[in-house]
């Protein structure tokens, strides 16, 4: 069977356009799904109402064609359909873009099941795990208040270690609960004025630190995304930048854009950006004696960016400052 025959016989609706967005081919399943499709016409003229498809086609050349499942696609009966575009490059040049319709009903069902399980796990972490912690905390506090004088130096050291460990574990449980909430939070995609939002967050963060920091914020920074999640990730990035410039003379922080990426740059202590599991929870970048923290900030940033279908990466060197970059998957008009 030839490739043409396979394309024609595919049960998945498939549409092919060239680099200029002119329709090259449409299989029988596509015509049954979308209706008459005139070969040789601009896809934007034939299907102007299919904004999600047009945005997907536009993103394909940049390999940004995957969008979070939340709210995506259309429901037909019991089926949930999603469009996906894939660029085909020949000898280094974009030749075609194939847009196909996938039935993601099972993925949606699995996603819903996972969310239910995550919520059950979050409840268990937030309540069941905290109960024995509070018992340990209560009895160790009573021991400290009523019997500390009766303990020898080793006993006092042991008790202090127990109290410190309980406090640390309580913080970890709280932060893990935040991460799980972040993973399940519903999203509302809007246009966010990052310049204005960043200025608000900078003003709030300055109140937490005593050192002087010069901050430069580019004007006109705008991204599409969930405002609450963007605020959470920017708060974590800005807090990190302030924290790691605490020992730097003439500390500076810059927030701007390079290409499609937003960046937060500082001239602080830096860190090893090649460290394994850099964005994993509870992986600290520095010793606790140097900088306070719980190692969750970058994990929160990674989770919030991933919810948008974007990516985050770091360029940093110990002792030479750090730059955190992020992109959010946002719809753009076909070129």
Protein backbone atom coordinates (compact mmCIF):
# COMPACT_ATOMS: atom_id res chain seq x y z
CA UNK A 1 0.00 0.00 0.00
CA UNK A 2 1.40 3.39 -0.96
CA UNK A 3 1.68 6.39 1.38
CA UNK A 4 -1.07 8.12 -0.59
CA UNK A 5 -3.35 5.13 -0.05
CA UNK A 6 -2.53 5.04 3.68
CA UNK A 7 -3.29 8.75 3.96
CA UNK A 8 -6.59 8.37 2.12
CA UNK A 9 -7.65 5.34 4.18
CA UNK A 10 -6.68 6.76 7.59
CA UNK A 11 -9.64 6.81 10.01
CA UNK A 12 -8.18 9.99 11.54
CA UNK A 13 -9.18 13.24 9.83
CA UNK A 14 -6.02 14.71 8.30
CA UNK A 15 -5.37 17.98 6.48
CA UNK A 16 -2.09 18.96 4.77
CA UNK A 17 -1.03 22.54 4.04
CA UNK A 18 2.21 23.90 2.59
CA UNK A 19 4.53 26.52 4.09
CA UNK A 20 2.24 29.30 2.82
CA UNK A 21 -0.80 27.71 4.50
CA UNK A 22 -2.30 26.63 1.17
CA UNK A 23 -4.29 23.39 1.40
CA UNK A 24 -2.46 20.57 -0.37
CA UNK A 25 -4.54 17.52 0.57
CA UNK A 26 -7.42 16.34 2.76
CA UNK A 27 -8.39 12.73 3.32
CA UNK A 28 -11.94 11.34 3.27
CA UNK A 29 -12.12 11.29 7.08
CA UNK A 30 -11.29 15.02 7.16
CA UNK A 31 -14.00 15.89 4.66
CA UNK A 32 -16.51 13.82 6.64
CA UNK A 33 -15.43 15.66 9.80
CA UNK A 34 -14.98 19.25 8.58
CA UNK A 35 -17.00 19.40 5.38
CA UNK A 36 -16.00 20.38 1.81
CA UNK A 37 -12.34 21.33 1.60
CA UNK A 38 -11.09 23.11 -1.52
CA UNK A 39 -7.55 22.15 -2.50
CA UNK A 40 -5.32 25.07 -3.46
CA UNK A 41 -6.96 27.67 -1.22
CA UNK A 42 -5.54 29.33 1.87
CA UNK A 43 -6.66 27.35 4.93
CA UNK A 44 -7.39 30.61 6.77
CA UNK A 45 -9.97 31.52 4.15
CA UNK A 46 -11.57 28.07 4.06
CA UNK A 47 -11.78 27.58 7.85
CA UNK A 48 -11.68 31.06 9.44
CA UNK A 49 -13.79 29.91 12.37
CA UNK A 50 -11.40 27.12 13.39
CA UNK A 51 -9.16 29.35 15.51
CA UNK A 52 -7.61 26.50 17.52
CA UNK A 53 -6.59 24.68 14.34
CA UNK A 54 -5.11 27.84 12.80
CA UNK A 55 -3.14 28.54 15.98
CA UNK A 56 -1.88 24.95 16.02
CA UNK A 57 -0.77 25.20 12.39
CA UNK A 58 1.06 28.45 13.19
CA UNK A 59 2.91 26.90 16.12
CA UNK A 60 3.98 23.75 14.29
CA UNK A 61 7.10 25.21 12.60
CA UNK A 62 8.44 26.17 16.02
CA UNK A 63 7.53 22.81 17.55
CA UNK A 64 5.15 24.47 20.03
CA UNK A 65 2.09 22.56 18.95
CA UNK A 66 1.22 20.81 22.21
CA UNK A 67 -1.36 22.55 24.39
CA UNK A 68 -2.58 21.45 27.85
CA UNK A 69 -5.71 19.27 27.66
CA UNK A 70 -7.76 21.56 29.94
CA UNK A 71 -10.51 23.12 27.86
CA UNK A 72 -8.99 21.93 24.58
CA UNK A 73 -10.87 20.39 21.69
CA UNK A 74 -14.52 19.79 21.04
CA UNK A 75 -16.95 17.21 22.34
CA UNK A 76 -18.93 15.13 19.85
CA UNK A 77 -21.25 12.72 21.63
CA UNK A 78 -19.12 10.92 24.22
CA UNK A 79 -15.92 11.67 22.32
CA UNK A 80 -13.39 14.42 23.02
CA UNK A 81 -11.46 15.48 19.93
CA UNK A 82 -8.17 17.35 19.79
CA UNK A 83 -6.26 18.77 16.85
CA UNK A 84 -2.50 18.44 16.55
CA UNK A 85 -0.17 19.87 13.89
CA UNK A 86 3.19 18.43 12.88
CA UNK A 87 5.70 20.22 10.64
CA UNK A 88 7.48 18.25 7.90
CA UNK A 89 10.89 19.67 7.00
CA UNK A 90 12.68 18.67 3.79
CA UNK A 91 16.37 19.56 3.36
CA UNK A 92 16.19 22.09 6.15
CA UNK A 93 13.12 23.94 4.85
CA UNK A 94 9.51 23.72 5.97
CA UNK A 95 7.61 21.80 3.28
CA UNK A 96 4.25 20.80 4.74
CA UNK A 97 2.23 20.90 7.94
CA UNK A 98 -0.07 17.99 8.70
CA UNK A 99 -3.02 18.68 10.98
CA UNK A 100 -4.83 15.64 12.29
CA UNK A 101 -7.76 15.17 14.64
CA UNK A 102 -7.20 12.76 17.51
CA UNK A 103 -9.78 11.16 19.76
CA UNK A 104 -8.44 11.89 23.26
CA UNK A 105 -11.51 10.68 25.15
CA UNK A 106 -9.48 8.04 26.98
CA UNK A 107 -6.76 10.57 27.84
CA UNK A 108 -9.40 12.88 29.29
CA UNK A 109 -10.88 10.02 31.35
CA UNK A 110 -7.43 9.07 32.63
CA UNK A 111 -6.67 12.72 33.40
CA UNK A 112 -9.88 13.00 35.40
CA UNK A 113 -9.06 9.80 37.28
CA UNK A 114 -5.54 11.06 38.03
CA UNK A 115 -6.98 14.31 39.38
CA UNK A 116 -9.26 12.38 41.71
CA UNK A 117 -6.31 10.30 42.93
CA UNK A 118 -4.16 13.41 43.34
CA UNK A 119 -6.85 15.10 45.40
CA UNK A 120 -7.13 12.00 47.63
CA UNK A 121 -3.34 11.95 48.03
CA UNK A 122 -3.24 15.68 48.75
CA UNK A 123 -5.90 15.29 51.44
CA UNK A 124 -3.95 12.42 52.98
CA UNK A 125 -0.72 14.41 53.00
CA UNK A 126 -2.41 17.53 54.35
CA UNK A 127 -4.38 15.80 57.12
CA UNK A 128 -3.27 12.22 57.85
CA UNK A 129 0.46 12.97 57.79
CA UNK A 130 0.07 16.12 59.86
CA UNK A 131 -1.71 14.31 62.72
CA UNK A 132 1.31 12.27 63.93
CA UNK A 133 3.49 15.33 63.33
CA UNK A 134 1.33 17.34 65.70
CA UNK A 135 1.49 14.57 68.29
CA UNK A 136 5.30 14.56 68.14
CA UNK A 137 5.37 18.35 68.17
CA UNK A 138 3.01 18.57 71.15
CA UNK A 139 4.81 16.04 73.34
CA UNK A 140 8.27 17.33 72.46
CA UNK A 141 7.12 20.88 73.29
CA UNK A 142 5.70 19.66 76.63
CA UNK A 143 8.97 17.86 77.36
CA UNK A 144 10.91 21.01 76.57
CA UNK A 145 8.71 23.22 78.76
CA UNK A 146 8.33 20.89 81.76
CA UNK A 147 11.43 18.69 81.88
CA UNK A 148 14.24 20.51 80.10
CA UNK A 149 16.18 21.10 83.33
CA UNK A 150 16.23 17.37 84.04
CA UNK A 151 17.91 16.52 80.71
CA UNK A 152 21.66 16.27 80.34
CA UNK A 153 23.39 18.13 77.46
CA UNK A 154 23.00 15.18 75.09
CA UNK A 155 19.30 14.91 75.92
CA UNK A 156 18.81 18.61 75.23
CA UNK A 157 20.61 18.24 71.90
CA UNK A 158 18.41 15.28 70.97
CA UNK A 159 15.25 17.17 71.90
CA UNK A 160 16.34 20.23 69.90
CA UNK A 161 16.98 17.98 66.89
CA UNK A 162 13.51 16.45 67.23
CA UNK A 163 11.90 19.90 67.38
CA UNK A 164 13.90 21.11 64.40
CA UNK A 165 13.07 17.98 62.37
CA UNK A 166 9.35 18.29 63.10
CA UNK A 167 9.36 21.94 62.03
CA UNK A 168 11.18 21.07 58.80
CA UNK A 169 8.82 18.22 58.00
CA UNK A 170 5.81 20.43 58.68
CA UNK A 171 7.19 22.96 56.18
CA UNK A 172 7.79 20.21 53.62
CA UNK A 173 4.23 18.91 54.00
CA UNK A 174 2.87 22.44 53.53
CA UNK A 175 4.96 23.00 50.40
CA UNK A 176 4.06 19.58 48.98
CA UNK A 177 0.40 20.45 49.49
CA UNK A 178 1.00 23.69 47.55
CA UNK A 179 2.61 21.76 44.68
CA UNK A 180 -0.31 19.32 44.51
CA UNK A 181 -2.82 22.19 44.53
CA UNK A 182 -0.85 23.82 41.74
CA UNK A 183 -1.00 20.63 39.65
CA UNK A 184 -4.80 20.50 39.91
CA UNK A 185 -5.79 24.17 39.82
CA UNK A 186 -8.17 25.11 36.97
CA UNK A 187 -6.71 27.50 34.39
CA UNK A 188 -8.17 30.61 32.79
CA UNK A 189 -6.05 31.89 29.90
CA UNK A 190 -5.91 35.67 29.60
CA UNK A 191 -3.44 38.31 28.43
CA UNK A 192 -1.22 39.28 31.37
CA UNK A 193 0.71 42.57 31.65
CA UNK A 194 3.94 41.14 33.04
CA UNK A 195 5.63 44.52 33.40
CA UNK A 196 2.91 45.84 35.71
CA UNK A 197 2.59 42.55 37.61
CA UNK A 198 6.36 42.32 38.12
CA UNK A 199 6.51 45.85 39.55
CA UNK A 200 3.85 44.90 42.11
CA UNK A 201 5.72 41.74 43.08
CA UNK A 202 9.06 43.56 43.33
CA UNK A 203 7.54 46.12 45.72
CA UNK A 204 6.17 43.33 47.94
CA UNK A 205 9.43 41.34 47.87
CA UNK A 206 11.55 44.35 48.90
CA UNK A 207 9.75 44.32 52.25
CA UNK A 208 11.21 40.87 53.03
CA UNK A 209 14.87 41.82 52.49
CA UNK A 210 17.16 44.46 53.96
CA UNK A 211 19.79 44.80 51.22
CA UNK A 212 19.56 47.33 48.41
CA UNK A 213 18.80 45.91 44.96
CA UNK A 214 18.63 47.81 41.68
CA UNK A 215 15.81 46.36 39.59
CA UNK A 216 15.31 46.89 35.86
CA UNK A 217 11.96 45.85 34.36
CA UNK A 218 11.41 46.04 30.62
CA UNK A 219 8.26 47.78 29.44
CA UNK A 220 5.66 46.07 27.29
CA UNK A 221 6.13 42.54 28.62
CA UNK A 222 2.94 40.63 27.83
CA UNK A 223 2.16 36.91 27.82
CA UNK A 224 -1.00 34.84 27.57
CA UNK A 225 -1.55 32.48 30.46
CA UNK A 226 -3.31 31.89 33.75
CA UNK A 227 -2.72 35.04 35.79
CA UNK A 228 -2.64 33.27 39.16
CA UNK A 229 -0.09 30.68 38.02
CA UNK A 230 2.04 33.38 36.38
CA UNK A 231 1.96 35.39 39.61
CA UNK A 232 3.03 32.32 41.60
CA UNK A 233 5.98 31.49 39.32
CA UNK A 234 7.14 35.13 39.07
CA UNK A 235 6.97 35.46 42.86
CA UNK A 236 9.24 32.42 43.24
CA UNK A 237 11.73 33.67 40.63
CA UNK A 238 11.89 37.19 42.08
CA UNK A 239 12.26 35.87 45.63
CA UNK A 240 15.15 33.65 44.50
CA UNK A 241 16.84 36.59 42.78
CA UNK A 242 16.58 38.76 45.92
CA UNK A 243 17.74 35.95 48.17
CA UNK A 244 20.83 35.07 46.15
CA UNK A 245 21.94 38.71 45.83
CA UNK A 246 21.95 39.15 49.61
CA UNK A 247 25.76 39.00 49.80
CA UNK A 248 26.42 40.93 46.56
CA UNK A 249 27.64 44.50 46.41
CA UNK A 250 25.71 46.61 43.90
CA UNK A 251 23.07 43.89 43.56
CA UNK A 252 21.03 44.05 40.38
CA UNK A 253 18.03 42.17 39.00
CA UNK A 254 16.73 42.46 35.44
CA UNK A 255 13.41 41.19 34.06
CA UNK A 256 12.94 41.25 30.31
CA UNK A 257 12.46 39.24 27.14
CA UNK A 258 14.84 37.52 24.75
CA UNK A 259 12.98 36.25 21.71
CA UNK A 260 9.95 34.31 22.98
CA UNK A 261 11.45 33.79 26.44
CA UNK A 262 10.91 35.86 29.56
CA UNK A 263 14.00 36.07 31.76
CA UNK A 264 14.81 36.98 35.36
CA UNK A 265 18.53 37.72 35.75
CA UNK A 266 20.59 38.56 38.84
CA UNK A 267 24.27 39.08 39.66
CA UNK A 268 24.15 37.11 42.89
CA UNK A 269 25.85 33.93 44.10
CA UNK A 270 24.60 31.84 41.18
CA UNK A 271 24.35 28.06 41.30
CA UNK A 272 25.12 24.94 39.29
CA UNK A 273 22.53 25.05 36.50
CA UNK A 274 23.60 21.57 35.36
CA UNK A 275 22.72 20.01 38.71
CA UNK A 276 20.65 16.85 38.45
CA UNK A 277 16.96 17.36 39.08
CA UNK A 278 17.37 21.12 39.32
CA UNK A 279 13.61 21.68 39.24
CA UNK A 280 12.70 18.80 41.55
CA UNK A 281 11.08 19.50 44.95
CA UNK A 282 13.31 19.85 48.00
CA UNK A 283 16.54 20.00 45.97
CA UNK A 284 18.38 22.92 47.53
CA UNK A 285 20.82 25.00 45.46
CA UNK A 286 22.92 26.03 48.46
CA UNK A 287 23.52 24.89 52.02
CA UNK A 288 20.89 26.00 54.52
CA UNK A 289 23.57 27.87 56.48
CA UNK A 290 24.24 30.09 53.44
CA UNK A 291 20.72 30.82 52.26
CA UNK A 292 17.38 29.94 53.90
CA UNK A 293 14.76 28.08 51.92
CA UNK A 294 13.07 24.74 51.41
CA UNK A 295 14.11 23.85 47.86
CA UNK A 296 10.60 24.12 46.41
CA UNK A 297 10.75 27.47 44.61
CA UNK A 298 12.08 26.20 41.26
CA UNK A 299 9.82 23.13 41.44
CA UNK A 300 6.82 25.48 41.69
CA UNK A 301 8.10 27.48 38.72
CA UNK A 302 8.56 24.30 36.67
CA UNK A 303 5.08 23.01 37.53
CA UNK A 304 3.38 26.32 36.70
CA UNK A 305 5.22 26.59 33.37
CA UNK A 306 4.47 22.94 32.51
CA UNK A 307 0.75 23.56 33.10
CA UNK A 308 0.96 26.07 30.25
CA UNK A 309 2.78 23.66 27.92
CA UNK A 310 5.92 25.81 28.11
CA UNK A 311 9.47 25.23 29.31
CA UNK A 312 11.88 26.72 31.84
CA UNK A 313 15.66 26.52 31.95
CA UNK A 314 18.58 28.15 33.75
CA UNK A 315 21.94 29.59 32.81
CA UNK A 316 24.03 30.05 35.92
CA UNK A 317 27.48 29.55 37.40
CA UNK A 318 28.39 29.44 41.09
CA UNK A 319 29.61 32.89 42.09
CA UNK A 320 28.64 34.51 38.77
CA UNK A 321 24.90 35.16 38.97
CA UNK A 322 21.98 33.38 37.33
CA UNK A 323 19.39 33.80 34.59
CA UNK A 324 16.13 31.86 34.57
CA UNK A 325 14.27 31.69 31.26
CA UNK A 326 10.72 30.55 30.61
CA UNK A 327 8.26 30.32 27.76
CA UNK A 328 4.52 29.77 27.88
CA UNK A 329 2.69 28.07 25.04
CA UNK A 330 0.50 30.87 23.66
CA UNK A 331 -1.66 31.04 20.51
CA UNK A 332 -0.28 33.08 17.63
CA UNK A 333 -1.82 34.01 14.31
CA UNK A 334 -0.76 31.99 11.24
CA UNK A 335 2.05 33.63 9.34
